[in-house]
Amino acid sequence: SYKFDPSKSKVFKPIFIFWGRYSSEKRIELAIELFNEISKNLDDARFLLIGPDNGKLKSLKELSNRLKLNKKIKFFKSKSIREIIKYANKSSFFLQLSDHEGLGMSVVESMQLGLIPIVTNIGEIKNYCLHGQNSLIFSNIKKTSEEILTLINYPKKMNYLKKNAIKTWSKQITYR
């Protein structure tokens, strides 16, 4: 059991991060397509992906190349939680669009760190991620990319979501 301290950063940049398995149920292709839509309007947008390959890494890299996102997307193999936290502290959003999930441990971790989760409304996630309160719930690429782009232009609203994400888990002592 462990608990993370939130990032002290007040800087909001269009930097997205994911950590977890490169596997089909995580629907990372969809996350890359969403990121592609967002990044068309933001030269400084970045998407960092960290995790072990469960058979999808090659096709994800091919999709990134096809969409000409090589300079904006970086794939990493597994990293220690300390290394992940260093990358997370420079990010603003946690992007995970799984088609099924239990608790969603990396979503919980990202919220504790003060990232704004962009997630699907599935599994236990639907019980703790509230759209427009502490997260954004993915609906479709067009609508969700518009919501993210609007949010990026309102640091006060981003700070509101960040604080609420942190608060969601602040009373929890530990979790497994």
Protein backbone atom coordinates (compact mmCIF):
# COMPACT_ATOMS: atom_id res chain seq x y z
CA SER A 1 0.00 0.00 0.00
CA TYR A 2 1.22 3.47 -0.79
CA LYS A 3 0.01 6.97 -1.33
CA PHE A 4 1.46 9.69 -3.54
CA ASP A 5 1.96 13.36 -2.81
CA PRO A 6 0.51 15.72 -5.42
CA SER A 7 2.74 17.77 -7.67
CA LYS A 8 3.20 21.35 -6.49
CA SER A 9 3.27 22.59 -10.09
CA LYS A 10 0.77 25.27 -11.06
CA VAL A 11 1.90 25.19 -14.69
CA PHE A 12 -0.67 23.66 -17.01
CA LYS A 13 0.74 22.39 -20.27
CA PRO A 14 -0.90 20.13 -22.86
CA ILE A 15 1.20 17.18 -21.72
CA PHE A 16 -0.62 13.88 -21.49
CA ILE A 17 0.66 10.71 -19.86
CA PHE A 18 -0.39 7.07 -19.65
CA TRP A 19 1.19 4.30 -17.65
CA GLY A 20 0.01 0.73 -17.84
CA ARG A 21 0.20 -2.27 -20.14
CA TYR A 22 0.32 -1.78 -23.91
CA SER A 23 -2.66 -4.09 -24.39
CA SER A 24 -5.85 -4.07 -26.45
CA GLU A 25 -8.27 -3.49 -23.54
CA LYS A 26 -6.52 -0.19 -22.77
CA ARG A 27 -7.59 1.11 -26.22
CA ILE A 28 -4.40 3.14 -26.58
CA GLU A 29 -5.14 3.53 -30.32
CA LEU A 30 -8.23 5.54 -29.39
CA ALA A 31 -6.18 7.63 -26.94
CA ILE A 32 -3.65 8.34 -29.72
CA GLU A 33 -6.46 9.34 -32.09
CA LEU A 34 -7.87 11.68 -29.44
CA PHE A 35 -4.40 13.12 -28.82
CA ASN A 36 -3.94 13.58 -32.58
CA GLU A 37 -7.12 15.67 -32.72
CA ILE A 38 -5.99 17.81 -29.76
CA SER A 39 -2.42 18.24 -30.99
CA LYS A 40 -3.54 19.64 -34.37
CA ASN A 41 -4.25 22.86 -32.46
CA LEU A 42 -1.33 22.73 -30.01
CA ASP A 43 2.28 22.61 -31.19
CA ASP A 44 3.50 21.98 -27.65
CA ALA A 45 1.18 19.01 -26.98
CA ARG A 46 2.99 15.83 -25.92
CA PHE A 47 1.86 12.32 -25.03
CA LEU A 48 4.13 10.09 -22.92
CA LEU A 49 3.29 6.40 -22.69
CA ILE A 50 5.01 4.08 -20.22
CA GLY A 51 4.58 0.36 -19.72
CA PRO A 52 5.31 -3.23 -20.60
CA ASP A 53 4.41 -4.50 -24.08
CA ASN A 54 1.49 -6.92 -24.03
CA GLY A 55 1.53 -7.26 -27.80
CA LYS A 56 0.45 -3.77 -28.91
CA LEU A 57 3.59 -1.62 -28.83
CA LYS A 58 4.60 -2.22 -32.46
CA SER A 59 1.15 -1.34 -33.86
CA LEU A 60 0.92 1.71 -31.57
CA LYS A 61 4.26 3.00 -32.87
CA GLU A 62 3.06 2.38 -36.44
CA LEU A 63 -0.12 4.37 -35.77
CA SER A 64 1.95 7.20 -34.27
CA ASN A 65 4.16 7.22 -37.39
CA ARG A 66 1.16 7.11 -39.75
CA LEU A 67 -0.36 10.14 -37.97
CA LYS A 68 3.03 11.92 -38.10
CA LEU A 69 3.15 12.24 -34.32
CA ASN A 70 6.74 10.97 -33.87
CA LYS A 71 7.90 14.28 -32.38
CA LYS A 72 4.90 14.54 -30.03
CA ILE A 73 4.49 10.96 -28.76
CA LYS A 74 7.14 9.11 -26.80
CA PHE A 75 6.88 5.43 -25.91
CA PHE A 76 8.79 4.05 -22.94
CA LYS A 77 9.17 0.51 -21.68
CA SER A 78 8.37 -0.13 -18.01
CA LYS A 79 9.79 2.34 -15.51
CA SER A 80 9.94 2.41 -11.72
CA ILE A 81 7.15 4.26 -9.95
CA ARG A 82 9.70 6.96 -8.96
CA GLU A 83 10.56 7.51 -12.64
CA ILE A 84 6.87 7.56 -13.59
CA ILE A 85 6.23 10.22 -10.93
CA LYS A 86 8.99 12.43 -12.43
CA TYR A 87 7.24 12.32 -15.82
CA ALA A 88 3.79 12.72 -14.23
CA ASN A 89 4.91 15.84 -12.35
CA LYS A 90 5.62 17.52 -15.71
CA SER A 91 2.23 16.46 -17.13
CA SER A 92 -1.28 17.86 -16.77
CA PHE A 93 -3.50 15.01 -17.97
CA PHE A 94 -3.69 11.25 -17.50
CA LEU A 95 -5.21 9.68 -20.62
CA GLN A 96 -6.63 6.16 -20.40
CA LEU A 97 -9.61 5.07 -22.50
CA SER A 98 -9.96 1.41 -21.46
CA ASP A 99 -12.94 -0.63 -22.58
CA HIS A 100 -12.98 -2.47 -19.23
CA GLU A 101 -11.21 -1.88 -15.97
CA GLY A 102 -11.48 -2.80 -12.31
CA LEU A 103 -10.40 -0.10 -9.87
CA GLY A 104 -8.03 1.49 -12.38
CA MET A 105 -4.98 1.75 -10.12
CA SER A 106 -3.03 4.08 -12.42
CA VAL A 107 -6.08 6.38 -12.60
CA VAL A 108 -6.11 6.54 -8.77
CA GLU A 109 -2.35 7.19 -8.73
CA SER A 110 -2.67 9.93 -11.35
CA MET A 111 -5.40 11.68 -9.35
CA GLN A 112 -3.28 11.58 -6.18
CA LEU A 113 -0.47 13.20 -8.18
CA GLY A 114 -2.82 15.98 -9.29
CA LEU A 115 -3.28 14.98 -12.91
CA ILE A 116 -6.65 15.46 -14.58
CA PRO A 117 -7.84 12.04 -15.73
CA ILE A 118 -9.46 11.67 -19.14
CA VAL A 119 -11.10 8.27 -18.84
CA THR A 120 -13.99 6.08 -19.89
CA ASN A 121 -16.93 5.66 -17.55
CA ILE A 122 -16.39 1.97 -16.76
CA GLY A 123 -15.73 -0.41 -13.87
CA GLU A 124 -15.01 1.31 -10.55
CA ILE A 125 -13.83 4.43 -12.40
CA LYS A 126 -17.45 5.54 -12.81
CA ASN A 127 -17.73 5.66 -9.00
CA TYR A 128 -14.90 8.13 -8.42
CA CYS A 129 -14.35 10.08 -11.67
CA LEU A 130 -16.97 12.78 -12.09
CA HIS A 131 -17.09 14.64 -15.40
CA GLY A 132 -16.27 18.32 -15.01
CA GLN A 133 -15.63 17.91 -11.28
CA ASN A 134 -12.40 15.90 -10.94
CA SER A 135 -11.98 14.45 -14.45
CA LEU A 136 -13.22 14.41 -18.01
CA ILE A 137 -15.23 11.40 -19.14
CA PHE A 138 -14.57 10.46 -22.76
CA SER A 139 -17.63 10.53 -25.02
CA ASN A 140 -16.20 10.75 -28.54
CA ILE A 141 -13.11 12.19 -30.18
CA LYS A 142 -14.72 15.41 -31.44
CA LYS A 143 -16.59 16.35 -28.25
CA THR A 144 -13.84 15.31 -25.83
CA SER A 145 -11.07 17.06 -27.81
CA GLU A 146 -13.17 20.26 -27.78
CA GLU A 147 -13.65 19.95 -24.01
CA ILE A 148 -9.90 19.44 -23.48
CA LEU A 149 -8.97 22.39 -25.72
CA THR A 150 -11.47 24.62 -23.89
CA LEU A 151 -10.13 23.47 -20.53
CA ILE A 152 -6.52 24.20 -21.51
CA ASN A 153 -7.54 27.83 -22.08
CA TYR A 154 -8.97 28.11 -18.55
CA PRO A 155 -6.22 27.51 -15.96
CA LYS A 156 -8.68 28.26 -13.11
CA LYS A 157 -10.94 25.43 -14.26
CA MET A 158 -7.92 23.13 -14.71
CA ASN A 159 -6.81 23.97 -11.17
CA TYR A 160 -10.34 23.24 -9.92
CA LEU A 161 -10.31 19.78 -11.53
CA LYS A 162 -6.77 19.13 -10.27
CA LYS A 163 -7.65 20.06 -6.68
CA ASN A 164 -10.77 17.91 -6.78
CA ALA A 165 -8.84 14.96 -8.23
CA ILE A 166 -6.37 15.20 -5.34
CA LYS A 167 -9.19 15.64 -2.80
CA THR A 168 -10.95 12.50 -4.09
CA TRP A 169 -8.21 10.36 -2.51
CA SER A 170 -6.87 12.64 0.25
CA LYS A 171 -8.94 11.00 3.00
CA GLN A 172 -7.85 7.50 1.99
CA ILE A 173 -4.99 6.37 4.17
CA THR A 174 -3.73 3.62 1.90
CA TYR A 175 -5.11 1.39 -0.81
CA ARG A 176 -4.14 -1.92 -2.38
